[in-house]
Amino acid sequence: MAGKVIAVAQQKGGSGKTTIAVNLAVAFLQQGAKVSLLDTDPQGSLGRWFMARRERLGDPGMEFSTSSAWGVGYECEKLRRDADFIIVDTPPKVDADLRPTLREADLILIPVASSHVDLWATEGVLDLARRERKRTTVVLNRAKAGTRLGEEVAEAAAALEAELAETRLANRIVYAETLGVGLGVLEAPRRGPADDEIRRLAAEVQALLA
């Protein structure tokens, strides 16, 4: 069976695209799945994480490649043959260059940090995804539990014509700490609540793809 392509897209920078991409990759890897990462963002954050991982572990446990926007279809075609999951990190912009990635995606995840500005930035991605008739899911990231802003953003996100993931990722330092050394939170020395968040999100994504 061909691998599933998960695109992580958001036109606002700093929304947590790379954080979600790498942590899902590690979660799937720990389940025994074959994972490939595809970086289409010229900033190369996903590639830097992968090289840090390779330096730290020797065997990163997953494949990595880069592509220009218009080479995404070709890369995904190759990667689908061997990988169970292909996770694509995209540039923080919405234009014609994003469409080839969305076209390949089986699921589009849109990270939204806890601010209305981030939420407004989802509209362009949602519009492009609708045109391509692709399934989208908004993931609330850096959520602050119990705050009025967090609940307002959650309510506004639910009102959009997009699915809202049940799992929210809290604003935890461990996400940044592990990202910087090429790991996912599931590989941190000590277990914590972030582990459960990522496992729940991975299970939710798999259910959406089933």
N, C-alpha and C. Protein backbone atom coordinates (compact mmCIF):
# COMPACT_ATOMS: atom_id res chain seq x y z
N MET A 1 0.85 -1.18 0.00
CA MET A 1 0.00 0.00 0.00
C MET A 1 0.89 1.24 0.00
N ALA A 2 0.51 2.22 -0.81
CA ALA A 2 1.32 3.43 -0.93
C ALA A 2 1.33 4.22 0.36
N GLY A 3 2.46 4.87 0.63
CA GLY A 3 2.58 5.68 1.84
C GLY A 3 1.65 6.88 1.83
N LYS A 4 1.32 7.36 3.01
CA LYS A 4 0.43 8.51 3.17
C LYS A 4 1.26 9.79 3.30
N VAL A 5 0.82 10.84 2.60
CA VAL A 5 1.52 12.12 2.63
C VAL A 5 0.78 13.08 3.57
N ILE A 6 1.51 13.58 4.56
CA ILE A 6 0.97 14.55 5.51
C ILE A 6 1.70 15.87 5.28
N ALA A 7 0.98 16.89 4.86
CA ALA A 7 1.58 18.21 4.66
C ALA A 7 1.29 19.07 5.88
N VAL A 8 2.31 19.77 6.38
CA VAL A 8 2.14 20.70 7.50
C VAL A 8 2.29 22.10 6.92
N ALA A 9 1.22 22.87 6.93
CA ALA A 9 1.21 24.15 6.21
C ALA A 9 0.58 25.25 7.05
N GLN A 10 1.17 26.44 6.95
CA GLN A 10 0.64 27.63 7.63
C GLN A 10 1.41 28.82 7.09
N GLN A 11 0.69 29.89 6.71
CA GLN A 11 1.39 31.01 6.09
C GLN A 11 2.09 31.92 7.09
N LYS A 12 1.78 31.77 8.37
CA LYS A 12 2.46 32.59 9.37
C LYS A 12 3.66 31.83 9.92
N GLY A 13 4.81 32.47 9.94
CA GLY A 13 6.00 31.85 10.50
C GLY A 13 5.87 31.71 12.02
N GLY A 14 6.61 30.74 12.58
CA GLY A 14 6.61 30.57 14.02
C GLY A 14 5.38 29.88 14.58
N SER A 15 4.64 29.22 13.72
CA SER A 15 3.40 28.56 14.17
C SER A 15 3.65 27.17 14.74
N GLY A 16 4.85 26.63 14.48
CA GLY A 16 5.18 25.30 15.00
C GLY A 16 5.10 24.19 13.97
N LYS A 17 5.22 24.55 12.68
CA LYS A 17 5.16 23.53 11.63
C LYS A 17 6.23 22.46 11.82
N THR A 18 7.46 22.88 11.98
CA THR A 18 8.56 21.92 12.09
C THR A 18 8.44 21.09 13.37
N THR A 19 8.02 21.71 14.45
CA THR A 19 7.84 20.99 15.71
C THR A 19 6.84 19.85 15.54
N ILE A 20 5.72 20.13 14.91
CA ILE A 20 4.71 19.10 14.69
C ILE A 20 5.22 18.03 13.73
N ALA A 21 5.91 18.46 12.67
CA ALA A 21 6.42 17.50 11.68
C ALA A 21 7.38 16.49 12.32
N VAL A 22 8.36 16.99 13.08
CA VAL A 22 9.38 16.08 13.61
C VAL A 22 8.82 15.19 14.72
N ASN A 23 7.91 15.72 15.52
CA ASN A 23 7.37 14.91 16.61
C ASN A 23 6.43 13.83 16.11
N LEU A 24 5.67 14.11 15.05
CA LEU A 24 4.88 13.05 14.43
C LEU A 24 5.79 12.00 13.82
N ALA A 25 6.88 12.45 13.17
CA ALA A 25 7.83 11.50 12.56
C ALA A 25 8.39 10.54 13.61
N VAL A 26 8.80 11.07 14.75
CA VAL A 26 9.36 10.23 15.81
C VAL A 26 8.29 9.30 16.39
N ALA A 27 7.08 9.80 16.55
CA ALA A 27 6.00 8.96 17.07
C ALA A 27 5.72 7.79 16.13
N PHE A 28 5.65 8.05 14.84
CA PHE A 28 5.41 6.98 13.87
C PHE A 28 6.59 6.01 13.84
N LEU A 29 7.79 6.55 13.94
CA LEU A 29 8.99 5.72 13.94
C LEU A 29 8.97 4.75 15.12
N GLN A 30 8.57 5.23 16.28
CA GLN A 30 8.54 4.38 17.47
C GLN A 30 7.47 3.29 17.38
N GLN A 31 6.53 3.47 16.46
CA GLN A 31 5.51 2.43 16.23
C GLN A 31 5.99 1.39 15.23
N GLY A 32 7.21 1.61 14.69
CA GLY A 32 7.75 0.66 13.72
C GLY A 32 7.46 1.02 12.28
N ALA A 33 6.92 2.23 12.04
CA ALA A 33 6.61 2.66 10.67
C ALA A 33 7.87 3.17 9.98
N LYS A 34 7.86 3.11 8.65
CA LYS A 34 8.92 3.72 7.84
C LYS A 34 8.51 5.15 7.54
N VAL A 35 9.40 6.08 7.87
CA VAL A 35 9.07 7.50 7.78
C VAL A 35 10.06 8.22 6.87
N SER A 36 9.54 9.09 6.02
CA SER A 36 10.37 9.97 5.20
C SER A 36 9.96 11.41 5.44
N LEU A 37 10.95 12.28 5.55
CA LEU A 37 10.71 13.71 5.69
C LEU A 37 11.03 14.40 4.38
N LEU A 38 10.21 15.38 4.00
CA LEU A 38 10.45 16.15 2.78
C LEU A 38 10.35 17.62 3.15
N ASP A 39 11.46 18.34 2.95
CA ASP A 39 11.52 19.76 3.31
C ASP A 39 11.41 20.60 2.04
N THR A 40 10.32 21.38 1.93
CA THR A 40 10.16 22.28 0.78
C THR A 40 10.34 23.74 1.20
N ASP A 41 10.69 23.96 2.46
CA ASP A 41 10.88 25.31 2.99
C ASP A 41 12.34 25.73 2.81
N PRO A 42 12.60 26.81 2.05
CA PRO A 42 13.99 27.27 1.86
C PRO A 42 14.72 27.56 3.16
N GLN A 43 14.00 27.88 4.23
CA GLN A 43 14.65 28.13 5.52
C GLN A 43 15.35 26.88 6.04
N GLY A 44 14.85 25.72 5.67
CA GLY A 44 15.54 24.46 5.97
C GLY A 44 15.54 24.02 7.42
N SER A 45 14.56 24.42 8.20
CA SER A 45 14.55 24.04 9.62
C SER A 45 14.45 22.52 9.79
N LEU A 46 13.65 21.88 8.96
CA LEU A 46 13.51 20.42 9.05
C LEU A 46 14.83 19.73 8.72
N GLY A 47 15.54 20.26 7.72
CA GLY A 47 16.84 19.70 7.35
C GLY A 47 17.87 19.88 8.45
N ARG A 48 17.84 21.02 9.12
CA ARG A 48 18.79 21.26 10.21
C ARG A 48 18.52 20.31 11.37
N TRP A 49 17.22 20.08 11.65
CA TRP A 49 16.87 19.11 12.69
C TRP A 49 17.38 17.73 12.31
N PHE A 50 17.19 17.34 11.05
CA PHE A 50 17.61 16.01 10.61
C PHE A 50 19.12 15.84 10.71
N MET A 51 19.89 16.86 10.33
CA MET A 51 21.36 16.78 10.41
C MET A 51 21.82 16.73 11.86
N ALA A 52 21.15 17.47 12.74
CA ALA A 52 21.48 17.41 14.17
C ALA A 52 21.18 16.01 14.71
N ARG A 53 20.11 15.42 14.23
CA ARG A 53 19.74 14.06 14.64
C ARG A 53 20.78 13.05 14.16
N ARG A 54 21.20 13.20 12.93
CA ARG A 54 22.19 12.29 12.34
C ARG A 54 23.52 12.38 13.11
N GLU A 55 23.90 13.60 13.45
CA GLU A 55 25.14 13.80 14.20
C GLU A 55 25.04 13.19 15.59
N ARG A 56 23.88 13.29 16.19
CA ARG A 56 23.69 12.80 17.56
C ARG A 56 23.53 11.28 17.63
N LEU A 57 22.76 10.72 16.70
CA LEU A 57 22.41 9.29 16.78
C LEU A 57 23.16 8.40 15.81
N GLY A 58 23.78 9.01 14.80
CA GLY A 58 24.41 8.19 13.75
C GLY A 58 23.36 7.77 12.74
N ASP A 59 22.48 6.87 13.13
CA ASP A 59 21.38 6.45 12.27
C ASP A 59 20.13 7.23 12.68
N PRO A 60 19.66 8.11 11.82
CA PRO A 60 18.49 8.92 12.20
C PRO A 60 17.20 8.12 12.23
N GLY A 61 17.19 6.95 11.60
CA GLY A 61 16.00 6.10 11.65
C GLY A 61 14.94 6.43 10.62
N MET A 62 15.19 7.48 9.83
CA MET A 62 14.22 7.90 8.83
C MET A 62 14.95 8.52 7.64
N GLU A 63 14.26 8.65 6.53
CA GLU A 63 14.85 9.24 5.34
C GLU A 63 14.53 10.73 5.29
N PHE A 64 15.37 11.45 4.54
CA PHE A 64 15.16 12.90 4.40
C PHE A 64 15.50 13.33 2.98
N SER A 65 14.69 14.21 2.43
CA SER A 65 15.01 14.82 1.14
C SER A 65 14.43 16.23 1.08
N THR A 66 14.90 16.99 0.11
CA THR A 66 14.40 18.35 -0.10
C THR A 66 13.83 18.44 -1.51
N SER A 67 13.03 19.46 -1.72
CA SER A 67 12.45 19.63 -3.04
C SER A 67 12.02 21.07 -3.24
N SER A 68 12.11 21.53 -4.48
CA SER A 68 11.44 22.78 -4.83
C SER A 68 9.94 22.50 -4.88
N ALA A 69 9.16 23.53 -4.91
CA ALA A 69 7.71 23.34 -4.91
C ALA A 69 7.26 22.46 -6.07
N TRP A 70 7.83 22.69 -7.22
CA TRP A 70 7.33 21.98 -8.41
C TRP A 70 7.92 20.59 -8.55
N GLY A 71 8.85 20.23 -7.67
CA GLY A 71 9.38 18.87 -7.69
C GLY A 71 8.71 17.96 -6.68
N VAL A 72 7.73 18.50 -5.92
CA VAL A 72 7.10 17.75 -4.84
C VAL A 72 6.40 16.49 -5.36
N GLY A 73 5.71 16.62 -6.47
CA GLY A 73 4.98 15.47 -7.01
C GLY A 73 5.89 14.31 -7.31
N TYR A 74 7.03 14.62 -7.94
CA TYR A 74 8.01 13.58 -8.29
C TYR A 74 8.59 12.94 -7.04
N GLU A 75 8.97 13.77 -6.05
CA GLU A 75 9.54 13.25 -4.81
C GLU A 75 8.54 12.37 -4.06
N CYS A 76 7.31 12.84 -3.97
CA CYS A 76 6.29 12.06 -3.24
C CYS A 76 6.02 10.74 -3.94
N GLU A 77 6.03 10.75 -5.25
CA GLU A 77 5.81 9.51 -6.00
C GLU A 77 6.88 8.48 -5.64
N LYS A 78 8.13 8.93 -5.55
CA LYS A 78 9.22 8.02 -5.17
C LYS A 78 9.09 7.56 -3.72
N LEU A 79 8.83 8.50 -2.83
CA LEU A 79 8.83 8.20 -1.40
C LEU A 79 7.66 7.30 -1.00
N ARG A 80 6.54 7.43 -1.69
CA ARG A 80 5.36 6.60 -1.37
C ARG A 80 5.65 5.11 -1.52
N ARG A 81 6.61 4.77 -2.38
CA ARG A 81 6.88 3.35 -2.64
C ARG A 81 7.47 2.64 -1.41
N ASP A 82 8.26 3.37 -0.62
CA ASP A 82 8.99 2.73 0.49
C ASP A 82 8.53 3.17 1.87
N ALA A 83 7.97 4.35 1.98
CA ALA A 83 7.62 4.89 3.29
C ALA A 83 6.15 4.67 3.62
N ASP A 84 5.87 4.49 4.91
CA ASP A 84 4.48 4.43 5.37
C ASP A 84 3.90 5.84 5.51
N PHE A 85 4.78 6.76 5.94
CA PHE A 85 4.37 8.15 6.11
C PHE A 85 5.41 9.07 5.50
N ILE A 86 4.96 10.04 4.72
CA ILE A 86 5.82 11.09 4.19
C ILE A 86 5.31 12.40 4.79
N ILE A 87 6.16 13.06 5.56
CA ILE A 87 5.76 14.29 6.23
C ILE A 87 6.46 15.46 5.55
N VAL A 88 5.67 16.41 5.05
CA VAL A 88 6.20 17.52 4.25
C VAL A 88 6.10 18.82 5.04
N ASP A 89 7.23 19.48 5.24
CA ASP A 89 7.27 20.79 5.87
C ASP A 89 7.28 21.83 4.75
N THR A 90 6.42 22.84 4.84
CA THR A 90 6.23 23.79 3.75
C THR A 90 6.68 25.20 4.16
N PRO A 91 6.90 26.08 3.17
CA PRO A 91 7.31 27.46 3.49
C PRO A 91 6.17 28.22 4.17
N PRO A 92 6.52 29.23 4.99
CA PRO A 92 5.49 30.03 5.66
C PRO A 92 4.89 31.07 4.72
N LYS A 93 4.19 30.62 3.71
CA LYS A 93 3.52 31.53 2.78
C LYS A 93 2.46 30.72 2.04
N VAL A 94 1.52 31.43 1.48
CA VAL A 94 0.47 30.77 0.69
C VAL A 94 0.47 31.41 -0.69
N ASP A 95 0.90 30.65 -1.66
CA ASP A 95 0.88 31.11 -3.04
C ASP A 95 0.83 29.88 -3.95
N ALA A 96 1.03 30.10 -5.23
CA ALA A 96 0.92 28.99 -6.19
C ALA A 96 1.94 27.90 -5.90
N ASP A 97 3.07 28.25 -5.25
CA ASP A 97 4.10 27.25 -4.95
C ASP A 97 3.62 26.20 -3.95
N LEU A 98 2.61 26.55 -3.15
CA LEU A 98 2.13 25.60 -2.15
C LEU A 98 1.19 24.55 -2.76
N ARG A 99 0.57 24.88 -3.86
CA ARG A 99 -0.46 24.01 -4.43
C ARG A 99 0.04 22.61 -4.78
N PRO A 100 1.24 22.46 -5.36
CA PRO A 100 1.69 21.09 -5.66
C PRO A 100 1.79 20.20 -4.42
N THR A 101 2.19 20.78 -3.29
CA THR A 101 2.27 20.00 -2.05
C THR A 101 0.88 19.61 -1.57
N LEU A 102 -0.04 20.56 -1.58
CA LEU A 102 -1.40 20.27 -1.13
C LEU A 102 -2.05 19.22 -2.04
N ARG A 103 -1.72 19.28 -3.30
CA ARG A 103 -2.28 18.32 -4.26
C ARG A 103 -1.85 16.90 -3.94
N GLU A 104 -0.63 16.74 -3.41
CA GLU A 104 -0.10 15.40 -3.09
C GLU A 104 -0.58 14.89 -1.74
N ALA A 105 -1.06 15.80 -0.89
CA ALA A 105 -1.32 15.45 0.51
C ALA A 105 -2.56 14.59 0.67
N ASP A 106 -2.46 13.60 1.54
CA ASP A 106 -3.63 12.85 1.99
C ASP A 106 -4.30 13.55 3.17
N LEU A 107 -3.52 14.36 3.86
CA LEU A 107 -4.03 15.14 4.99
C LEU A 107 -3.17 16.38 5.14
N ILE A 108 -3.83 17.53 5.41
CA ILE A 108 -3.10 18.78 5.63
C ILE A 108 -3.32 19.21 7.08
N LEU A 109 -2.23 19.35 7.82
CA LEU A 109 -2.29 19.83 9.20
C LEU A 109 -1.92 21.31 9.21
N ILE A 110 -2.73 22.11 9.89
CA ILE A 110 -2.48 23.55 9.96
C ILE A 110 -2.26 23.93 11.43
N PRO A 111 -1.01 24.15 11.82
CA PRO A 111 -0.75 24.55 13.22
C PRO A 111 -1.21 25.98 13.47
N VAL A 112 -1.84 26.19 14.60
CA VAL A 112 -2.27 27.52 15.00
C VAL A 112 -1.81 27.74 16.44
N ALA A 113 -0.89 28.68 16.63
CA ALA A 113 -0.49 29.04 17.99
C ALA A 113 -1.64 29.84 18.61
N SER A 114 -1.61 29.97 19.92
CA SER A 114 -2.76 30.58 20.62
C SER A 114 -2.81 32.09 20.43
N SER A 115 -3.16 32.50 19.22
CA SER A 115 -3.39 33.92 18.96
C SER A 115 -4.36 34.05 17.79
N HIS A 116 -5.13 35.12 17.80
CA HIS A 116 -6.06 35.34 16.70
C HIS A 116 -5.31 35.60 15.40
N VAL A 117 -4.12 36.20 15.50
CA VAL A 117 -3.33 36.47 14.29
C VAL A 117 -2.99 35.16 13.58
N ASP A 118 -2.58 34.15 14.34
CA ASP A 118 -2.29 32.84 13.74
C ASP A 118 -3.55 32.25 13.11
N LEU A 119 -4.66 32.43 13.78
CA LEU A 119 -5.91 31.87 13.27
C LEU A 119 -6.30 32.53 11.95
N TRP A 120 -6.17 33.85 11.88
CA TRP A 120 -6.48 34.55 10.63
C TRP A 120 -5.59 34.05 9.48
N ALA A 121 -4.37 33.68 9.82
CA ALA A 121 -3.42 33.24 8.79
C ALA A 121 -3.78 31.89 8.18
N THR A 122 -4.72 31.17 8.80
CA THR A 122 -5.09 29.87 8.25
C THR A 122 -5.98 29.99 7.01
N GLU A 123 -6.60 31.14 6.83
CA GLU A 123 -7.63 31.26 5.79
C GLU A 123 -7.09 30.98 4.40
N GLY A 124 -5.88 31.45 4.11
CA GLY A 124 -5.30 31.21 2.79
C GLY A 124 -5.06 29.73 2.53
N VAL A 125 -4.53 29.02 3.53
CA VAL A 125 -4.28 27.58 3.38
C VAL A 125 -5.60 26.84 3.21
N LEU A 126 -6.59 27.19 4.03
CA LEU A 126 -7.89 26.54 3.93
C LEU A 126 -8.52 26.74 2.56
N ASP A 127 -8.38 27.95 2.04
CA ASP A 127 -8.95 28.24 0.72
C ASP A 127 -8.29 27.39 -0.37
N LEU A 128 -6.96 27.33 -0.35
CA LEU A 128 -6.25 26.50 -1.34
C LEU A 128 -6.61 25.03 -1.19
N ALA A 129 -6.70 24.57 0.06
CA ALA A 129 -7.02 23.16 0.30
C ALA A 129 -8.42 22.82 -0.21
N ARG A 130 -9.37 23.74 -0.03
CA ARG A 130 -10.73 23.51 -0.54
C ARG A 130 -10.73 23.38 -2.05
N ARG A 131 -9.94 24.22 -2.70
CA ARG A 131 -9.88 24.15 -4.16
C ARG A 131 -9.33 22.81 -4.63
N GLU A 132 -8.41 22.27 -3.85
CA GLU A 132 -7.83 20.96 -4.20
C GLU A 132 -8.65 19.80 -3.63
N ARG A 133 -9.73 20.15 -2.90
CA ARG A 133 -10.61 19.15 -2.27
C ARG A 133 -9.83 18.20 -1.35
N LYS A 134 -9.04 18.83 -0.49
CA LYS A 134 -8.21 18.07 0.44
C LYS A 134 -8.69 18.26 1.87
N ARG A 135 -8.51 17.21 2.66
CA ARG A 135 -8.92 17.25 4.07
C ARG A 135 -7.91 18.05 4.89
N THR A 136 -8.41 18.96 5.70
CA THR A 136 -7.55 19.78 6.55
C THR A 136 -7.95 19.60 8.01
N THR A 137 -6.95 19.70 8.86
CA THR A 137 -7.19 19.65 10.31
C THR A 137 -6.34 20.72 10.98
N VAL A 138 -6.99 21.59 11.74
CA VAL A 138 -6.29 22.63 12.50
C VAL A 138 -5.80 22.04 13.81
N VAL A 139 -4.52 22.26 14.13
CA VAL A 139 -3.93 21.77 15.38
C VAL A 139 -3.55 22.96 16.24
N LEU A 140 -4.16 23.10 17.40
CA LEU A 140 -3.82 24.19 18.31
C LEU A 140 -2.48 23.87 18.98
N ASN A 141 -1.54 24.80 18.83
CA ASN A 141 -0.17 24.60 19.30
C ASN A 141 0.18 25.71 20.30
N ARG A 142 1.06 25.38 21.25
CA ARG A 142 1.43 26.31 22.31
C ARG A 142 0.19 26.83 23.03
N ALA A 143 -0.78 25.95 23.21
CA ALA A 143 -2.04 26.32 23.88
C ALA A 143 -1.80 26.54 25.37
N LYS A 144 -2.44 27.55 25.90
CA LYS A 144 -2.33 27.84 27.33
C LYS A 144 -3.65 27.45 27.99
N ALA A 145 -3.63 26.34 28.69
CA ALA A 145 -4.86 25.80 29.30
C ALA A 145 -5.44 26.78 30.30
N GLY A 146 -6.76 26.91 30.27
CA GLY A 146 -7.44 27.72 31.26
C GLY A 146 -7.42 29.21 31.00
N THR A 147 -6.81 29.66 29.89
CA THR A 147 -6.79 31.09 29.60
C THR A 147 -7.96 31.44 28.69
N ARG A 148 -8.45 32.66 28.82
CA ARG A 148 -9.58 33.10 28.00
C ARG A 148 -9.18 33.15 26.52
N LEU A 149 -7.95 33.64 26.26
CA LEU A 149 -7.48 33.72 24.87
C LEU A 149 -7.45 32.33 24.23
N GLY A 150 -6.92 31.36 24.97
CA GLY A 150 -6.85 30.01 24.42
C GLY A 150 -8.22 29.47 24.06
N GLU A 151 -9.20 29.71 24.93
CA GLU A 151 -10.56 29.23 24.65
C GLU A 151 -11.19 29.99 23.50
N GLU A 152 -10.92 31.30 23.41
CA GLU A 152 -11.45 32.10 22.30
C GLU A 152 -10.91 31.60 20.97
N VAL A 153 -9.61 31.32 20.94
CA VAL A 153 -9.00 30.82 19.70
C VAL A 153 -9.56 29.45 19.34
N ALA A 154 -9.74 28.60 20.35
CA ALA A 154 -10.31 27.27 20.10
C ALA A 154 -11.72 27.38 19.54
N GLU A 155 -12.53 28.28 20.11
CA GLU A 155 -13.90 28.46 19.64
C GLU A 155 -13.92 29.01 18.22
N ALA A 156 -13.05 29.99 17.94
CA ALA A 156 -13.00 30.58 16.60
C ALA A 156 -12.50 29.56 15.57
N ALA A 157 -11.54 28.72 15.98
CA ALA A 157 -11.02 27.69 15.07
C ALA A 157 -12.11 26.68 14.75
N ALA A 158 -12.91 26.33 15.76
CA ALA A 158 -13.98 25.37 15.55
C ALA A 158 -15.05 25.92 14.61
N ALA A 159 -15.17 27.25 14.56
CA ALA A 159 -16.17 27.87 13.70
C ALA A 159 -15.73 27.91 12.23
N LEU A 160 -14.45 27.70 11.98
CA LEU A 160 -13.96 27.67 10.60
C LEU A 160 -14.47 26.40 9.90
N GLU A 161 -14.48 26.44 8.59
CA GLU A 161 -14.88 25.25 7.83
C GLU A 161 -13.69 24.30 7.73
N ALA A 162 -13.24 23.85 8.87
CA ALA A 162 -12.12 22.90 8.92
C ALA A 162 -12.27 22.07 10.18
N GLU A 163 -11.74 20.87 10.15
CA GLU A 163 -11.74 20.05 11.36
C GLU A 163 -10.76 20.63 12.36
N LEU A 164 -11.09 20.49 13.61
CA LEU A 164 -10.20 20.91 14.69
C LEU A 164 -9.75 19.67 15.44
N ALA A 165 -8.44 19.46 15.51
CA ALA A 165 -7.92 18.29 16.21
C ALA A 165 -8.31 18.36 17.69
N GLU A 166 -8.69 17.22 18.23
CA GLU A 166 -9.03 17.17 19.65
C GLU A 166 -7.79 17.40 20.51
N THR A 167 -6.64 16.92 20.02
CA THR A 167 -5.39 17.06 20.77
C THR A 167 -4.84 18.47 20.61
N ARG A 168 -4.51 19.07 21.72
CA ARG A 168 -3.83 20.38 21.72
C ARG A 168 -2.42 20.20 22.28
N LEU A 169 -1.47 20.89 21.69
CA LEU A 169 -0.10 20.86 22.20
C LEU A 169 0.10 22.08 23.09
N ALA A 170 0.51 21.85 24.32
CA ALA A 170 0.68 22.95 25.27
C ALA A 170 2.00 23.68 25.03
N ASN A 171 2.13 24.82 25.67
CA ASN A 171 3.34 25.65 25.54
C ASN A 171 4.40 25.10 26.51
N ARG A 172 5.18 24.11 26.04
CA ARG A 172 6.15 23.42 26.90
C ARG A 172 7.56 23.60 26.35
N ILE A 173 8.51 23.87 27.23
CA ILE A 173 9.90 24.11 26.84
C ILE A 173 10.53 22.88 26.21
N VAL A 174 10.05 21.68 26.57
CA VAL A 174 10.66 20.45 26.06
C VAL A 174 10.56 20.34 24.54
N TYR A 175 9.55 20.96 23.95
CA TYR A 175 9.44 20.93 22.49
C TYR A 175 10.64 21.63 21.84
N ALA A 176 10.99 22.80 22.37
CA ALA A 176 12.13 23.54 21.83
C ALA A 176 13.45 22.86 22.16
N GLU A 177 13.57 22.35 23.39
CA GLU A 177 14.82 21.71 23.82
C GLU A 177 15.15 20.49 22.95
N THR A 178 14.17 19.65 22.71
CA THR A 178 14.44 18.44 21.92
C THR A 178 14.63 18.77 20.44
N LEU A 179 13.87 19.73 19.94
CA LEU A 179 14.01 20.13 18.53
C LEU A 179 15.44 20.56 18.23
N GLY A 180 16.04 21.31 19.15
CA GLY A 180 17.37 21.85 18.93
C GLY A 180 18.47 20.81 18.87
N VAL A 181 18.21 19.60 19.37
CA VAL A 181 19.26 18.56 19.39
C VAL A 181 18.87 17.35 18.52
N GLY A 182 17.90 17.56 17.63
CA GLY A 182 17.58 16.50 16.68
C GLY A 182 16.73 15.37 17.23
N LEU A 183 15.99 15.64 18.29
CA LEU A 183 15.14 14.61 18.89
C LEU A 183 13.68 15.04 18.89
N GLY A 184 12.80 14.10 19.20
CA GLY A 184 11.41 14.41 19.48
C GLY A 184 11.18 14.30 20.97
N VAL A 185 10.05 14.80 21.44
CA VAL A 185 9.81 14.77 22.89
C VAL A 185 9.71 13.34 23.41
N LEU A 186 9.32 12.40 22.57
CA LEU A 186 9.25 11.00 23.00
C LEU A 186 10.63 10.40 23.26
N GLU A 187 11.68 11.12 22.83
CA GLU A 187 13.06 10.65 23.03
C GLU A 187 13.77 11.44 24.12
N ALA A 188 13.05 12.32 24.81
CA ALA A 188 13.65 13.11 25.90
C ALA A 188 14.03 12.17 27.05
N PRO A 189 15.05 12.54 27.83
CA PRO A 189 15.50 11.67 28.93
C PRO A 189 14.41 11.36 29.95
N ARG A 190 13.53 12.32 30.19
CA ARG A 190 12.47 12.10 31.17
C ARG A 190 11.10 12.19 30.51
N ARG A 191 10.20 11.35 30.94
CA ARG A 191 8.84 11.39 30.42
C ARG A 191 8.09 12.58 31.01
N GLY A 192 7.16 13.10 30.24
CA GLY A 192 6.36 14.22 30.73
C GLY A 192 5.05 14.28 29.98
N PRO A 193 4.23 15.29 30.27
CA PRO A 193 2.91 15.40 29.63
C PRO A 193 2.98 15.59 28.12
N ALA A 194 4.10 16.12 27.61
CA ALA A 194 4.23 16.29 26.16
C ALA A 194 4.20 14.93 25.44
N ASP A 195 4.70 13.89 26.09
CA ASP A 195 4.68 12.54 25.50
C ASP A 195 3.24 12.13 25.16
N ASP A 196 2.34 12.34 26.11
CA ASP A 196 0.95 11.95 25.90
C ASP A 196 0.31 12.79 24.80
N GLU A 197 0.66 14.09 24.76
CA GLU A 197 0.11 14.96 23.72
C GLU A 197 0.49 14.44 22.33
N ILE A 198 1.76 14.12 22.15
CA ILE A 198 2.23 13.68 20.84
C ILE A 198 1.66 12.31 20.48
N ARG A 199 1.59 11.42 21.44
CA ARG A 199 1.00 10.10 21.15
C ARG A 199 -0.47 10.23 20.75
N ARG A 200 -1.18 11.10 21.44
CA ARG A 200 -2.60 11.31 21.10
C ARG A 200 -2.75 11.93 19.72
N LEU A 201 -1.89 12.91 19.42
CA LEU A 201 -1.96 13.56 18.10
C LEU A 201 -1.64 12.56 16.99
N ALA A 202 -0.61 11.74 17.20
CA ALA A 202 -0.24 10.73 16.20
C ALA A 202 -1.39 9.75 15.97
N ALA A 203 -2.04 9.33 17.05
CA ALA A 203 -3.18 8.41 16.92
C ALA A 203 -4.34 9.07 16.18
N GLU A 204 -4.54 10.35 16.47
CA GLU A 204 -5.62 11.08 15.80
C GLU A 204 -5.34 11.23 14.30
N VAL A 205 -4.10 11.54 13.97
CA VAL A 205 -3.72 11.68 12.55
C VAL A 205 -3.90 10.35 11.82
N GLN A 206 -3.48 9.26 12.47
CA GLN A 206 -3.64 7.93 11.84
C GLN A 206 -5.12 7.60 11.61
N ALA A 207 -5.95 7.98 12.57
CA ALA A 207 -7.39 7.73 12.42
C ALA A 207 -7.97 8.54 11.26
N LEU A 208 -7.50 9.77 11.10
CA LEU A 208 -7.97 10.61 10.00
C LEU A 208 -7.54 10.06 8.64
N LEU A 209 -6.39 9.40 8.63
CA LEU A 209 -5.86 8.85 7.37
C LEU A 209 -6.47 7.48 7.04
N ALA A 210 -7.05 6.84 8.03
CA ALA A 210 -7.56 5.46 7.83
C ALA A 210 -8.76 5.45 6.88
